[in-house]
Amino acid sequence: MSEKTLSDIQLEVDDYISQFKEGYFSPLALMARMSEEVGELAREVNHFYGEKPKKADEAENSVEMELGDILFILSCFANSLNIDLTEAHNKVMHKFATRDANRWTKKITEL
């Protein structure tokens, strides 16, 4: 399987959602879904890295699956608002490269 770009992911999600009459949820519903998924990620991180072990009867889940759920919802959100995630990413990276260029201590690389 070849690697997917953000554009590929957005198209794949759109193809999936487009087969249903309901289409994308409203932005408010997508925000609620995103919040729910981030909460599930927090729970998994707490189980794996924190001090709160899972109960014996809790379903198996993983940080990877929760991040995947977030990526799916993020793609739905972006698609519903006609936002290209690659372009959004490029704009954010430009912001970090300019506004935050000297915010943190850079590693020294030797030649």
N, C-alpha and C. Protein backbone atom coordinates (compact mmCIF):
# COMPACT_ATOMS: atom_id res chain seq x y z
N MET A 1 0.84 -1.17 0.00
CA MET A 1 0.00 0.00 0.00
C MET A 1 0.89 1.24 0.00
N SER A 2 0.63 2.16 -0.91
CA SER A 2 1.44 3.38 -0.98
C SER A 2 0.94 4.38 0.06
N GLU A 3 1.79 5.33 0.39
CA GLU A 3 1.42 6.34 1.38
C GLU A 3 0.38 7.27 0.80
N LYS A 4 -0.50 7.73 1.67
CA LYS A 4 -1.56 8.64 1.27
C LYS A 4 -1.19 10.06 1.67
N THR A 5 -1.56 11.00 0.84
CA THR A 5 -1.42 12.41 1.18
C THR A 5 -2.66 12.85 1.95
N LEU A 6 -2.61 14.03 2.53
CA LEU A 6 -3.80 14.57 3.16
C LEU A 6 -4.94 14.71 2.15
N SER A 7 -4.59 15.10 0.92
CA SER A 7 -5.61 15.20 -0.13
C SER A 7 -6.24 13.85 -0.41
N ASP A 8 -5.42 12.80 -0.47
CA ASP A 8 -5.94 11.45 -0.67
C ASP A 8 -6.91 11.07 0.45
N ILE A 9 -6.53 11.39 1.67
CA ILE A 9 -7.37 11.06 2.83
C ILE A 9 -8.69 11.82 2.75
N GLN A 10 -8.62 13.10 2.43
CA GLN A 10 -9.84 13.88 2.31
C GLN A 10 -10.75 13.33 1.21
N LEU A 11 -10.18 12.93 0.10
CA LEU A 11 -10.99 12.36 -0.99
C LEU A 11 -11.60 11.02 -0.59
N GLU A 12 -10.83 10.20 0.10
CA GLU A 12 -11.33 8.90 0.55
C GLU A 12 -12.50 9.08 1.52
N VAL A 13 -12.35 10.01 2.45
CA VAL A 13 -13.43 10.29 3.40
C VAL A 13 -14.65 10.84 2.66
N ASP A 14 -14.42 11.73 1.70
CA ASP A 14 -15.54 12.30 0.94
C ASP A 14 -16.27 11.22 0.15
N ASP A 15 -15.51 10.30 -0.46
CA ASP A 15 -16.13 9.19 -1.18
C ASP A 15 -16.99 8.35 -0.25
N TYR A 16 -16.50 8.12 0.96
CA TYR A 16 -17.25 7.34 1.93
C TYR A 16 -18.53 8.06 2.34
N ILE A 17 -18.41 9.32 2.74
CA ILE A 17 -19.56 10.09 3.23
C ILE A 17 -20.57 10.32 2.10
N SER A 18 -20.10 10.51 0.88
CA SER A 18 -20.98 10.81 -0.25
C SER A 18 -21.94 9.69 -0.61
N GLN A 19 -21.70 8.49 -0.13
CA GLN A 19 -22.61 7.39 -0.44
C GLN A 19 -23.87 7.41 0.43
N PHE A 20 -23.94 8.31 1.41
CA PHE A 20 -25.07 8.39 2.31
C PHE A 20 -25.89 9.66 2.06
N LYS A 21 -27.19 9.53 2.08
CA LYS A 21 -28.07 10.68 1.86
C LYS A 21 -27.84 11.78 2.89
N GLU A 22 -27.52 11.39 4.12
CA GLU A 22 -27.36 12.38 5.18
C GLU A 22 -26.16 13.30 4.96
N GLY A 23 -25.12 12.81 4.29
CA GLY A 23 -23.93 13.63 4.05
C GLY A 23 -23.21 13.98 5.34
N TYR A 24 -22.52 15.11 5.31
CA TYR A 24 -21.75 15.55 6.47
C TYR A 24 -22.67 16.11 7.55
N PHE A 25 -22.26 15.93 8.81
CA PHE A 25 -22.96 16.55 9.92
C PHE A 25 -22.69 18.06 9.87
N SER A 26 -23.46 18.82 10.63
CA SER A 26 -23.25 20.27 10.72
C SER A 26 -21.91 20.54 11.42
N PRO A 27 -21.36 21.74 11.22
CA PRO A 27 -20.11 22.07 11.93
C PRO A 27 -20.22 21.90 13.45
N LEU A 28 -21.35 22.27 14.03
CA LEU A 28 -21.50 22.13 15.47
C LEU A 28 -21.48 20.66 15.89
N ALA A 29 -22.17 19.81 15.13
CA ALA A 29 -22.16 18.38 15.44
C ALA A 29 -20.77 17.79 15.24
N LEU A 30 -20.06 18.23 14.21
CA LEU A 30 -18.70 17.75 13.98
C LEU A 30 -17.76 18.19 15.09
N MET A 31 -17.97 19.40 15.61
CA MET A 31 -17.15 19.87 16.73
C MET A 31 -17.41 19.01 17.96
N ALA A 32 -18.66 18.66 18.18
CA ALA A 32 -18.99 17.79 19.31
C ALA A 32 -18.36 16.41 19.12
N ARG A 33 -18.42 15.88 17.90
CA ARG A 33 -17.79 14.58 17.63
C ARG A 33 -16.29 14.65 17.83
N MET A 34 -15.67 15.74 17.38
CA MET A 34 -14.23 15.91 17.55
C MET A 34 -13.88 15.94 19.03
N SER A 35 -14.65 16.67 19.81
CA SER A 35 -14.41 16.75 21.25
C SER A 35 -14.54 15.38 21.89
N GLU A 36 -15.53 14.63 21.47
CA GLU A 36 -15.73 13.27 21.98
C GLU A 36 -14.51 12.39 21.68
N GLU A 37 -14.04 12.46 20.45
CA GLU A 37 -12.89 11.64 20.05
C GLU A 37 -11.62 12.06 20.78
N VAL A 38 -11.42 13.36 20.99
CA VAL A 38 -10.25 13.83 21.73
C VAL A 38 -10.32 13.33 23.18
N GLY A 39 -11.53 13.29 23.74
CA GLY A 39 -11.70 12.74 25.07
C GLY A 39 -11.34 11.27 25.13
N GLU A 40 -11.72 10.52 24.10
CA GLU A 40 -11.37 9.10 24.04
C GLU A 40 -9.86 8.91 23.90
N LEU A 41 -9.22 9.79 23.15
CA LEU A 41 -7.76 9.75 23.04
C LEU A 41 -7.13 10.02 24.40
N ALA A 42 -7.64 11.02 25.11
CA ALA A 42 -7.11 11.35 26.44
C ALA A 42 -7.23 10.15 27.37
N ARG A 43 -8.33 9.46 27.29
CA ARG A 43 -8.54 8.29 28.14
C ARG A 43 -7.51 7.21 27.82
N GLU A 44 -7.27 6.96 26.54
CA GLU A 44 -6.29 5.95 26.14
C GLU A 44 -4.88 6.34 26.58
N VAL A 45 -4.53 7.62 26.41
CA VAL A 45 -3.20 8.09 26.82
C VAL A 45 -3.06 7.93 28.33
N ASN A 46 -4.11 8.25 29.06
CA ASN A 46 -4.07 8.11 30.51
C ASN A 46 -3.90 6.64 30.91
N HIS A 47 -4.56 5.73 30.19
CA HIS A 47 -4.41 4.31 30.49
C HIS A 47 -3.00 3.81 30.18
N PHE A 48 -2.47 4.27 29.07
CA PHE A 48 -1.17 3.75 28.61
C PHE A 48 0.01 4.42 29.30
N TYR A 49 -0.07 5.75 29.46
CA TYR A 49 1.06 6.50 30.00
C TYR A 49 0.82 7.04 31.41
N GLY A 50 -0.42 7.06 31.83
CA GLY A 50 -0.77 7.67 33.10
C GLY A 50 -0.88 6.67 34.23
N GLU A 51 -1.49 7.12 35.27
CA GLU A 51 -1.61 6.32 36.48
C GLU A 51 -2.94 5.59 36.60
N LYS A 52 -3.75 5.63 35.55
CA LYS A 52 -5.08 5.03 35.62
C LYS A 52 -5.16 3.80 34.71
N PRO A 53 -4.89 2.62 35.24
CA PRO A 53 -4.97 1.42 34.39
C PRO A 53 -6.41 1.12 34.00
N LYS A 54 -6.56 0.42 32.90
CA LYS A 54 -7.89 0.01 32.45
C LYS A 54 -8.48 -1.01 33.40
N LYS A 55 -9.79 -0.97 33.48
CA LYS A 55 -10.50 -2.01 34.22
C LYS A 55 -10.50 -3.26 33.36
N ALA A 56 -10.61 -4.41 34.00
CA ALA A 56 -10.56 -5.68 33.28
C ALA A 56 -11.67 -5.80 32.23
N ASP A 57 -12.82 -5.18 32.47
CA ASP A 57 -13.94 -5.32 31.55
C ASP A 57 -14.01 -4.20 30.49
N GLU A 58 -13.02 -3.29 30.48
CA GLU A 58 -13.02 -2.21 29.49
C GLU A 58 -12.55 -2.73 28.13
N ALA A 59 -13.16 -2.19 27.08
CA ALA A 59 -12.83 -2.61 25.72
C ALA A 59 -11.40 -2.25 25.38
N GLU A 60 -10.76 -3.12 24.60
CA GLU A 60 -9.42 -2.84 24.10
C GLU A 60 -9.51 -1.72 23.08
N ASN A 61 -8.65 -0.77 23.18
CA ASN A 61 -8.57 0.33 22.24
C ASN A 61 -7.12 0.75 22.20
N SER A 62 -6.79 1.71 21.38
CA SER A 62 -5.40 2.12 21.30
C SER A 62 -5.31 3.59 20.95
N VAL A 63 -4.18 4.17 21.29
CA VAL A 63 -3.90 5.55 20.91
C VAL A 63 -3.96 5.66 19.39
N GLU A 64 -3.43 4.67 18.69
CA GLU A 64 -3.44 4.69 17.22
C GLU A 64 -4.85 4.78 16.66
N MET A 65 -5.76 3.96 17.18
CA MET A 65 -7.14 3.98 16.68
C MET A 65 -7.82 5.30 17.01
N GLU A 66 -7.57 5.84 18.18
CA GLU A 66 -8.19 7.12 18.55
C GLU A 66 -7.66 8.25 17.68
N LEU A 67 -6.36 8.23 17.37
CA LEU A 67 -5.81 9.23 16.44
C LEU A 67 -6.42 9.07 15.06
N GLY A 68 -6.65 7.82 14.65
CA GLY A 68 -7.31 7.57 13.37
C GLY A 68 -8.72 8.12 13.34
N ASP A 69 -9.45 7.93 14.44
CA ASP A 69 -10.81 8.49 14.55
C ASP A 69 -10.77 10.01 14.44
N ILE A 70 -9.80 10.63 15.09
CA ILE A 70 -9.68 12.09 15.04
C ILE A 70 -9.36 12.55 13.62
N LEU A 71 -8.48 11.83 12.94
CA LEU A 71 -8.15 12.18 11.55
C LEU A 71 -9.38 12.08 10.66
N PHE A 72 -10.20 11.06 10.87
CA PHE A 72 -11.43 10.90 10.09
C PHE A 72 -12.38 12.08 10.34
N ILE A 73 -12.61 12.41 11.61
CA ILE A 73 -13.52 13.51 11.93
C ILE A 73 -12.95 14.83 11.43
N LEU A 74 -11.63 15.02 11.57
CA LEU A 74 -10.99 16.24 11.07
C LEU A 74 -11.20 16.36 9.56
N SER A 75 -11.07 15.25 8.85
CA SER A 75 -11.29 15.26 7.40
C SER A 75 -12.74 15.59 7.07
N CYS A 76 -13.67 15.01 7.84
CA CYS A 76 -15.08 15.34 7.64
C CYS A 76 -15.32 16.84 7.85
N PHE A 77 -14.76 17.37 8.93
CA PHE A 77 -14.93 18.78 9.27
C PHE A 77 -14.39 19.65 8.14
N ALA A 78 -13.18 19.38 7.71
CA ALA A 78 -12.56 20.16 6.64
C ALA A 78 -13.36 20.04 5.35
N ASN A 79 -13.74 18.84 4.99
CA ASN A 79 -14.51 18.64 3.75
C ASN A 79 -15.83 19.39 3.80
N SER A 80 -16.50 19.35 4.94
CA SER A 80 -17.81 19.99 5.04
C SER A 80 -17.72 21.50 4.87
N LEU A 81 -16.55 22.06 5.17
CA LEU A 81 -16.33 23.51 5.05
C LEU A 81 -15.46 23.86 3.84
N ASN A 82 -15.21 22.88 2.97
CA ASN A 82 -14.38 23.08 1.77
C ASN A 82 -13.00 23.62 2.11
N ILE A 83 -12.38 23.04 3.13
CA ILE A 83 -11.03 23.43 3.54
C ILE A 83 -10.06 22.35 3.11
N ASP A 84 -9.03 22.74 2.40
CA ASP A 84 -7.97 21.83 1.98
C ASP A 84 -6.98 21.72 3.14
N LEU A 85 -6.89 20.54 3.74
CA LEU A 85 -6.02 20.37 4.90
C LEU A 85 -4.54 20.56 4.56
N THR A 86 -4.14 20.24 3.35
CA THR A 86 -2.74 20.47 2.97
C THR A 86 -2.44 21.96 2.97
N GLU A 87 -3.34 22.74 2.41
CA GLU A 87 -3.16 24.19 2.39
C GLU A 87 -3.20 24.75 3.81
N ALA A 88 -4.11 24.26 4.62
CA ALA A 88 -4.18 24.70 6.02
C ALA A 88 -2.87 24.38 6.74
N HIS A 89 -2.35 23.18 6.51
CA HIS A 89 -1.08 22.78 7.11
C HIS A 89 0.06 23.69 6.66
N ASN A 90 0.11 23.98 5.36
CA ASN A 90 1.16 24.86 4.84
C ASN A 90 1.11 26.24 5.48
N LYS A 91 -0.09 26.77 5.67
CA LYS A 91 -0.24 28.08 6.29
C LYS A 91 0.23 28.05 7.75
N VAL A 92 -0.10 27.00 8.46
CA VAL A 92 0.32 26.89 9.86
C VAL A 92 1.83 26.73 9.96
N MET A 93 2.43 25.94 9.08
CA MET A 93 3.88 25.76 9.12
C MET A 93 4.60 27.07 8.80
N HIS A 94 4.03 27.84 7.89
CA HIS A 94 4.61 29.16 7.59
C HIS A 94 4.54 30.05 8.82
N LYS A 95 3.40 30.01 9.51
CA LYS A 95 3.24 30.80 10.73
C LYS A 95 4.30 30.41 11.76
N PHE A 96 4.49 29.09 11.97
CA PHE A 96 5.49 28.64 12.94
C PHE A 96 6.89 29.03 12.51
N ALA A 97 7.18 28.95 11.21
CA ALA A 97 8.52 29.26 10.71
C ALA A 97 8.84 30.74 10.81
N THR A 98 7.82 31.58 10.84
CA THR A 98 8.07 33.03 10.91
C THR A 98 7.84 33.55 12.33
N ARG A 99 6.63 33.47 12.81
CA ARG A 99 6.30 34.01 14.14
C ARG A 99 7.08 33.33 15.25
N ASP A 100 7.24 32.03 15.15
CA ASP A 100 7.87 31.27 16.22
C ASP A 100 9.30 30.82 15.88
N ALA A 101 9.91 31.47 14.92
CA ALA A 101 11.23 31.04 14.44
C ALA A 101 12.27 30.97 15.55
N ASN A 102 12.21 31.88 16.51
CA ASN A 102 13.21 31.91 17.58
C ASN A 102 12.61 31.64 18.96
N ARG A 103 11.49 30.97 18.98
CA ARG A 103 10.79 30.74 20.25
C ARG A 103 11.46 29.66 21.10
N TRP A 104 11.99 28.64 20.46
CA TRP A 104 12.60 27.53 21.19
C TRP A 104 14.06 27.40 20.81
N THR A 105 14.82 26.72 21.66
CA THR A 105 16.24 26.54 21.43
C THR A 105 16.44 25.45 20.38
N LYS A 106 17.13 25.80 19.32
CA LYS A 106 17.36 24.85 18.24
C LYS A 106 18.52 23.93 18.59
N LYS A 107 18.44 22.72 18.07
CA LYS A 107 19.53 21.77 18.24
C LYS A 107 20.71 22.24 17.39
N ILE A 108 21.89 22.00 17.89
CA ILE A 108 23.09 22.35 17.13
C ILE A 108 23.47 21.10 16.31
N THR A 109 23.57 21.31 15.02
CA THR A 109 23.97 20.20 14.16
C THR A 109 25.40 20.45 13.70
N GLU A 110 26.19 19.40 13.76
CA GLU A 110 27.58 19.51 13.33
C GLU A 110 27.71 19.00 11.91
N LEU A 111 28.53 19.66 11.16
CA LEU A 111 28.75 19.26 9.76
C LEU A 111 29.87 18.28 9.65
